[in-house]
Structures are given as structure tokens and as C-alpha cells.
């Protein structure tokens, strides 16, 4: 099973919560900053599709994912 590191560049996040709506298992909004952050650093294949959809829907294009060993 592949593993994927996921992160949000909060500097560019606009806080519209699109990622949270697509993948609430992985993303949440920080109550203090109002910007998205990840709940977990690494996801498995089971969450790959929802993270990919969140990346594609992100209006700020600030979600990243890379495969890790």
C-alpha cells in the first residue's frame, strides 16, 4: 500500500474550506487563522482519491501531496 505525505501551504490558503468539504478526514480549518491544515501528515491509498479531489478543487492551489516510502 502506497503512502502519501499531504500538506497545505497556509500562506496562500484563502480559507474557503473547499478541501474540508471534499475530504474532512484529512483537512480542517484552524480556528485561529481560519486557514486549512491537515489533521494527519501521511495518508494511505484509501484517502488518496479524496485528497486528489481536494487538490483539484482548491481555489488557491495550495494543497500538495507526494508519495513517501
PDB file of N, CA and C in Angstrom:
ATOM      1  N   UNK A   1       0.838  -1.185   0.000  1.00  0.00           N
ATOM      2  CA  UNK A   1       0.000   0.000   0.000  1.00  0.00           C
ATOM      3  C   UNK A   1       0.887   1.254   0.000  1.00  0.00           C
ATOM      4  N   UNK A   2       0.614   2.156  -0.912  1.00  0.00           N
ATOM      5  CA  UNK A   2       1.375   3.402  -1.003  1.00  0.00           C
ATOM      6  C   UNK A   2       0.963   4.360   0.111  1.00  0.00           C
ATOM      7  N   UNK A   3       1.895   5.228   0.465  1.00  0.00           N
ATOM      8  CA  UNK A   3       1.617   6.267   1.452  1.00  0.00           C
ATOM      9  C   UNK A   3       1.937   7.607   0.821  1.00  0.00           C
ATOM     10  N   UNK A   4       1.168   8.596   1.215  1.00  0.00           N
ATOM     11  CA  UNK A   4       1.275   9.924   0.623  1.00  0.00           C
ATOM     12  C   UNK A   4       1.383  10.981   1.712  1.00  0.00           C
ATOM     13  N   UNK A   5       2.390  11.854   1.606  1.00  0.00           N
ATOM     14  CA  UNK A   5       2.519  12.988   2.523  1.00  0.00           C
ATOM     15  C   UNK A   5       1.671  14.122   1.958  1.00  0.00           C
ATOM     16  N   UNK A   6       0.858  14.724   2.806  1.00  0.00           N
ATOM     17  CA  UNK A   6      -0.066  15.782   2.387  1.00  0.00           C
ATOM     18  C   UNK A   6       0.206  17.021   3.233  1.00  0.00           C
ATOM     19  N   UNK A   7       0.225  18.193   2.578  1.00  0.00           N
ATOM     20  CA  UNK A   7       0.379  19.426   3.325  1.00  0.00           C
ATOM     21  C   UNK A   7      -0.305  20.580   2.605  1.00  0.00           C
ATOM     22  N   UNK A   8      -0.583  21.622   3.388  1.00  0.00           N
ATOM     23  CA  UNK A   8      -1.218  22.835   2.880  1.00  0.00           C
ATOM     24  C   UNK A   8      -0.244  23.986   3.087  1.00  0.00           C
ATOM     25  N   UNK A   9      -0.022  24.780   2.060  1.00  0.00           N
ATOM     26  CA  UNK A   9       0.773  25.998   2.201  1.00  0.00           C
ATOM     27  C   UNK A   9      -0.176  27.080   2.709  1.00  0.00           C
ATOM     28  N   UNK A  10      -0.184  27.248   4.024  1.00  0.00           N
ATOM     29  CA  UNK A  10      -1.151  28.147   4.662  1.00  0.00           C
ATOM     30  C   UNK A  10      -0.976  29.601   4.246  1.00  0.00           C
ATOM     31  N   UNK A  11       0.201  29.962   3.762  1.00  0.00           N
ATOM     32  CA  UNK A  11       0.435  31.337   3.313  1.00  0.00           C
ATOM     33  C   UNK A  11      -0.515  31.715   2.172  1.00  0.00           C
ATOM     34  N   UNK A  12      -0.843  30.740   1.334  1.00  0.00           N
ATOM     35  CA  UNK A  12      -1.686  31.007   0.168  1.00  0.00           C
ATOM     36  C   UNK A  12      -3.144  30.577   0.346  1.00  0.00           C
ATOM     37  N   UNK A  13      -3.442  29.875   1.420  1.00  0.00           N
ATOM     38  CA  UNK A  13      -4.804  29.401   1.658  1.00  0.00           C
ATOM     39  C   UNK A  13      -5.753  30.584   1.848  1.00  0.00           C
ATOM     40  N   UNK A  14      -6.916  30.505   1.203  1.00  0.00           N
ATOM     41  CA  UNK A  14      -7.913  31.572   1.330  1.00  0.00           C
ATOM     42  C   UNK A  14      -9.008  31.229   2.343  1.00  0.00           C
ATOM     43  N   UNK A  15      -8.962  30.028   2.905  1.00  0.00           N
ATOM     44  CA  UNK A  15      -9.895  29.657   3.964  1.00  0.00           C
ATOM     45  C   UNK A  15     -11.321  29.401   3.524  1.00  0.00           C
ATOM     46  N   UNK A  16     -11.520  29.005   2.266  1.00  0.00           N
ATOM     47  CA  UNK A  16     -12.885  28.762   1.786  1.00  0.00           C
ATOM     48  C   UNK A  16     -13.409  27.364   2.124  1.00  0.00           C
ATOM     49  N   UNK A  17     -12.581  26.524   2.709  1.00  0.00           N
ATOM     50  CA  UNK A  17     -12.962  25.193   3.212  1.00  0.00           C
ATOM     51  C   UNK A  17     -13.408  24.215   2.132  1.00  0.00           C
ATOM     52  N   UNK A  18     -13.048  24.457   0.894  1.00  0.00           N
ATOM     53  CA  UNK A  18     -13.372  23.508  -0.173  1.00  0.00           C
ATOM     54  C   UNK A  18     -12.726  22.155   0.128  1.00  0.00           C
ATOM     55  N   UNK A  19     -11.483  22.172   0.587  1.00  0.00           N
ATOM     56  CA  UNK A  19     -10.784  20.918   0.891  1.00  0.00           C
ATOM     57  C   UNK A  19     -11.492  20.146   2.004  1.00  0.00           C
ATOM     58  N   UNK A  20     -11.996  20.857   2.991  1.00  0.00           N
ATOM     59  CA  UNK A  20     -12.711  20.216   4.100  1.00  0.00           C
ATOM     60  C   UNK A  20     -13.976  19.545   3.588  1.00  0.00           C
ATOM     61  N   UNK A  21     -14.663  20.183   2.660  1.00  0.00           N
ATOM     62  CA  UNK A  21     -15.891  19.588   2.130  1.00  0.00           C
ATOM     63  C   UNK A  21     -15.603  18.351   1.287  1.00  0.00           C
ATOM     64  N   UNK A  22     -14.475  18.329   0.587  1.00  0.00           N
ATOM     65  CA  UNK A  22     -14.118  17.168  -0.225  1.00  0.00           C
ATOM     66  C   UNK A  22     -13.510  16.040   0.601  1.00  0.00           C
ATOM     67  N   UNK A  23     -12.748  16.387   1.636  1.00  0.00           N
ATOM     68  CA  UNK A  23     -12.003  15.354   2.365  1.00  0.00           C
ATOM     69  C   UNK A  23     -11.877  15.718   3.855  1.00  0.00           C
ATOM     70  N   UNK A  24     -12.980  15.654   4.593  1.00  0.00           N
ATOM     71  CA  UNK A  24     -12.941  16.040   6.004  1.00  0.00           C
ATOM     72  C   UNK A  24     -12.106  15.108   6.880  1.00  0.00           C
ATOM     73  N   UNK A  25     -11.793  13.919   6.370  1.00  0.00           N
ATOM     74  CA  UNK A  25     -10.939  13.002   7.130  1.00  0.00           C
ATOM     75  C   UNK A  25      -9.505  13.521   7.218  1.00  0.00           C
ATOM     76  N   UNK A  26      -9.124  14.376   6.270  1.00  0.00           N
ATOM     77  CA  UNK A  26      -7.732  14.836   6.188  1.00  0.00           C
ATOM     78  C   UNK A  26      -7.582  16.327   6.502  1.00  0.00           C
ATOM     79  N   UNK A  27      -8.561  17.148   6.121  1.00  0.00           N
ATOM     80  CA  UNK A  27      -8.428  18.600   6.258  1.00  0.00           C
ATOM     81  C   UNK A  27      -9.401  19.170   7.282  1.00  0.00           C
ATOM     82  N   UNK A  28      -8.972  20.273   7.915  1.00  0.00           N
ATOM     83  CA  UNK A  28      -9.810  21.028   8.832  1.00  0.00           C
ATOM     84  C   UNK A  28      -9.379  22.485   8.768  1.00  0.00           C
ATOM     85  N   UNK A  29     -10.225  23.377   9.258  1.00  0.00           N
ATOM     86  CA  UNK A  29      -9.858  24.787   9.330  1.00  0.00           C
ATOM     87  C   UNK A  29      -9.317  25.091  10.714  1.00  0.00           C
ATOM     88  N   UNK A  30      -8.207  25.798  10.753  1.00  0.00           N
ATOM     89  CA  UNK A  30      -7.621  26.250  12.004  1.00  0.00           C
ATOM     90  C   UNK A  30      -8.520  27.351  12.567  1.00  0.00           C
ATOM     91  N   UNK A  31      -8.961  27.199  13.801  1.00  0.00           N
ATOM     92  CA  UNK A  31      -9.889  28.161  14.404  1.00  0.00           C
ATOM     93  C   UNK A  31      -9.276  29.547  14.559  1.00  0.00           C
ATOM     94  N   UNK A  32      -7.969  29.615  14.784  1.00  0.00           N
ATOM     95  CA  UNK A  32      -7.314  30.909  14.994  1.00  0.00           C
ATOM     96  C   UNK A  32      -7.042  31.645  13.687  1.00  0.00           C
ATOM     97  N   UNK A  33      -6.537  30.918  12.692  1.00  0.00           N
ATOM     98  CA  UNK A  33      -6.141  31.572  11.438  1.00  0.00           C
ATOM     99  C   UNK A  33      -7.239  31.550  10.385  1.00  0.00           C
ATOM    100  N   UNK A  34      -8.185  30.615  10.510  1.00  0.00           N
ATOM    101  CA  UNK A  34      -9.228  30.463   9.502  1.00  0.00           C
ATOM    102  C   UNK A  34      -8.734  29.812   8.225  1.00  0.00           C
ATOM    103  N   UNK A  35      -7.538  29.241   8.286  1.00  0.00           N
ATOM    104  CA  UNK A  35      -6.953  28.607   7.104  1.00  0.00           C
ATOM    105  C   UNK A  35      -6.936  27.093   7.271  1.00  0.00           C
ATOM    106  N   UNK A  36      -6.872  26.409   6.137  1.00  0.00           N
ATOM    107  CA  UNK A  36      -6.883  24.946   6.164  1.00  0.00           C
ATOM    108  C   UNK A  36      -5.561  24.396   6.680  1.00  0.00           C
ATOM    109  N   UNK A  37      -5.662  23.239   7.301  1.00  0.00           N
ATOM    110  CA  UNK A  37      -4.484  22.480   7.722  1.00  0.00           C
ATOM    111  C   UNK A  37      -4.844  21.009   7.652  1.00  0.00           C
ATOM    112  N   UNK A  38      -3.829  20.178   7.716  1.00  0.00           N
ATOM    113  CA  UNK A  38      -4.083  18.743   7.675  1.00  0.00           C
ATOM    114  C   UNK A  38      -4.236  18.208   9.093  1.00  0.00           C
ATOM    115  N   UNK A  39      -5.104  17.234   9.242  1.00  0.00           N
ATOM    116  CA  UNK A  39      -5.276  16.539  10.516  1.00  0.00           C
ATOM    117  C   UNK A  39      -4.206  15.475  10.681  1.00  0.00           C
ATOM    118  N   UNK A  40      -3.737  14.945   9.550  1.00  0.00           N
ATOM    119  CA  UNK A  40      -2.707  13.908   9.522  1.00  0.00           C
ATOM    120  C   UNK A  40      -1.664  14.308   8.487  1.00  0.00           C
ATOM    121  N   UNK A  41      -0.427  13.849   8.674  1.00  0.00           N
ATOM    122  CA  UNK A  41       0.642  14.182   7.730  1.00  0.00           C
ATOM    123  C   UNK A  41       0.743  13.192   6.582  1.00  0.00           C
ATOM    124  N   UNK A  42       0.384  11.942   6.843  1.00  0.00           N
ATOM    125  CA  UNK A  42       0.528  10.886   5.838  1.00  0.00           C
ATOM    126  C   UNK A  42      -0.794  10.139   5.717  1.00  0.00           C
ATOM    127  N   UNK A  43      -1.200   9.876   4.464  1.00  0.00           N
ATOM    128  CA  UNK A  43      -2.418   9.106   4.204  1.00  0.00           C
ATOM    129  C   UNK A  43      -2.078   7.897   3.351  1.00  0.00           C
ATOM    130  N   UNK A  44      -2.956   6.921   3.387  1.00  0.00           N
ATOM    131  CA  UNK A  44      -2.799   5.723   2.565  1.00  0.00           C
ATOM    132  C   UNK A  44      -3.630   5.819   1.302  1.00  0.00           C
ATOM    133  N   UNK A  45      -3.603   4.746   0.531  1.00  0.00           N
ATOM    134  CA  UNK A  45      -4.359   4.693  -0.719  1.00  0.00           C
ATOM    135  C   UNK A  45      -5.854   4.916  -0.511  1.00  0.00           C
ATOM    136  N   UNK A  46      -6.341   4.571   0.685  1.00  0.00           N
ATOM    137  CA  UNK A  46      -7.774   4.701   0.949  1.00  0.00           C
ATOM    138  C   UNK A  46      -8.247   6.158   0.915  1.00  0.00           C
ATOM    139  N   UNK A  47      -7.354   7.105   1.183  1.00  0.00           N
ATOM    140  CA  UNK A  47      -7.729   8.521   1.178  1.00  0.00           C
ATOM    141  C   UNK A  47      -7.136   9.288  -0.002  1.00  0.00           C
ATOM    142  N   UNK A  48      -6.402   8.601  -0.852  1.00  0.00           N
ATOM    143  CA  UNK A  48      -5.751   9.258  -1.992  1.00  0.00           C
ATOM    144  C   UNK A  48      -6.757  10.010  -2.859  1.00  0.00           C
ATOM    145  N   UNK A  49      -7.857   9.361  -3.223  1.00  0.00           N
ATOM    146  CA  UNK A  49      -8.825   9.974  -4.138  1.00  0.00           C
ATOM    147  C   UNK A  49      -9.453  11.240  -3.567  1.00  0.00           C
ATOM    148  N   UNK A  50      -9.801  11.227  -2.283  1.00  0.00           N
ATOM    149  CA  UNK A  50     -10.431  12.429  -1.728  1.00  0.00           C
ATOM    150  C   UNK A  50      -9.416  13.568  -1.604  1.00  0.00           C
ATOM    151  N   UNK A  51      -8.153  13.258  -1.299  1.00  0.00           N
ATOM    152  CA  UNK A  51      -7.125  14.303  -1.261  1.00  0.00           C
ATOM    153  C   UNK A  51      -6.902  14.867  -2.662  1.00  0.00           C
ATOM    154  N   UNK A  52      -6.841  13.995  -3.656  1.00  0.00           N
ATOM    155  CA  UNK A  52      -6.655  14.431  -5.047  1.00  0.00           C
ATOM    156  C   UNK A  52      -7.803  15.352  -5.480  1.00  0.00           C
ATOM    157  N   UNK A  53      -9.025  14.991  -5.135  1.00  0.00           N
ATOM    158  CA  UNK A  53     -10.178  15.835  -5.464  1.00  0.00           C
ATOM    159  C   UNK A  53     -10.085  17.190  -4.761  1.00  0.00           C
ATOM    160  N   UNK A  54      -9.656  17.182  -3.510  1.00  0.00           N
ATOM    161  CA  UNK A  54      -9.494  18.437  -2.771  1.00  0.00           C
ATOM    162  C   UNK A  54      -8.411  19.304  -3.404  1.00  0.00           C
ATOM    163  N   UNK A  55      -7.315  18.679  -3.821  1.00  0.00           N
ATOM    164  CA  UNK A  55      -6.244  19.417  -4.500  1.00  0.00           C
ATOM    165  C   UNK A  55      -6.760  20.080  -5.771  1.00  0.00           C
ATOM    166  N   UNK A  56      -7.501  19.336  -6.551  1.00  0.00           N
ATOM    167  CA  UNK A  56      -8.006  19.852  -7.825  1.00  0.00           C
ATOM    168  C   UNK A  56      -9.057  20.946  -7.625  1.00  0.00           C
ATOM    169  N   UNK A  57      -9.810  20.877  -6.540  1.00  0.00           N
ATOM    170  CA  UNK A  57     -10.857  21.857  -6.274  1.00  0.00           C
ATOM    171  C   UNK A  57     -10.350  23.100  -5.545  1.00  0.00           C
ATOM    172  N   UNK A  58      -9.169  23.025  -4.976  1.00  0.00           N
ATOM    173  CA  UNK A  58      -8.626  24.131  -4.183  1.00  0.00           C
ATOM    174  C   UNK A  58      -8.459  25.381  -5.052  1.00  0.00           C
ATOM    175  N   UNK A  59      -9.160  26.448  -4.687  1.00  0.00           N
ATOM    176  CA  UNK A  59      -9.116  27.678  -5.480  1.00  0.00           C
ATOM    177  C   UNK A  59      -7.768  28.381  -5.383  1.00  0.00           C
ATOM    178  N   UNK A  60      -7.016  28.129  -4.323  1.00  0.00           N
ATOM    179  CA  UNK A  60      -5.704  28.751  -4.144  1.00  0.00           C
ATOM    180  C   UNK A  60      -4.562  27.854  -4.620  1.00  0.00           C
ATOM    181  N   UNK A  61      -4.873  26.624  -5.008  1.00  0.00           N
ATOM    182  CA  UNK A  61      -3.857  25.657  -5.458  1.00  0.00           C
ATOM    183  C   UNK A  61      -2.710  25.547  -4.451  1.00  0.00           C
ATOM    184  N   UNK A  62      -3.074  25.387  -3.177  1.00  0.00           N
ATOM    185  CA  UNK A  62      -2.048  25.356  -2.131  1.00  0.00           C
ATOM    186  C   UNK A  62      -1.997  24.033  -1.368  1.00  0.00           C
ATOM    187  N   UNK A  63      -2.583  22.982  -1.936  1.00  0.00           N
ATOM    188  CA  UNK A  63      -2.536  21.649  -1.333  1.00  0.00           C
ATOM    189  C   UNK A  63      -1.551  20.813  -2.130  1.00  0.00           C
ATOM    190  N   UNK A  64      -0.687  20.117  -1.413  1.00  0.00           N
ATOM    191  CA  UNK A  64       0.352  19.320  -2.059  1.00  0.00           C
ATOM    192  C   UNK A  64       0.333  17.897  -1.525  1.00  0.00           C
ATOM    193  N   UNK A  65       0.767  16.966  -2.372  1.00  0.00           N
ATOM    194  CA  UNK A  65       0.827  15.555  -1.989  1.00  0.00           C
ATOM    195  C   UNK A  65       2.002  14.920  -2.725  1.00  0.00           C
ATOM    196  N   UNK A  66       2.787  14.125  -1.989  1.00  0.00           N
ATOM    197  CA  UNK A  66       3.878  13.390  -2.612  1.00  0.00           C
ATOM    198  C   UNK A  66       3.958  12.000  -2.003  1.00  0.00           C
ATOM    199  N   UNK A  67       4.344  11.047  -2.819  1.00  0.00           N
ATOM    200  CA  UNK A  67       4.448   9.670  -2.337  1.00  0.00           C
ATOM    201  C   UNK A  67       5.690   9.531  -1.471  1.00  0.00           C
ATOM    202  N   UNK A  68       5.552   8.800  -0.377  1.00  0.00           N
ATOM    203  CA  UNK A  68       6.667   8.538   0.533  1.00  0.00           C
ATOM    204  C   UNK A  68       6.841   7.037   0.670  1.00  0.00           C
ATOM    205  N   UNK A  69       8.014   6.650   1.108  1.00  0.00           N
ATOM    206  CA  UNK A  69       8.286   5.214   1.276  1.00  0.00           C
ATOM    207  C   UNK A  69       7.936   4.752   2.656  1.00  0.00           C
TER     208      UNK A  69
END
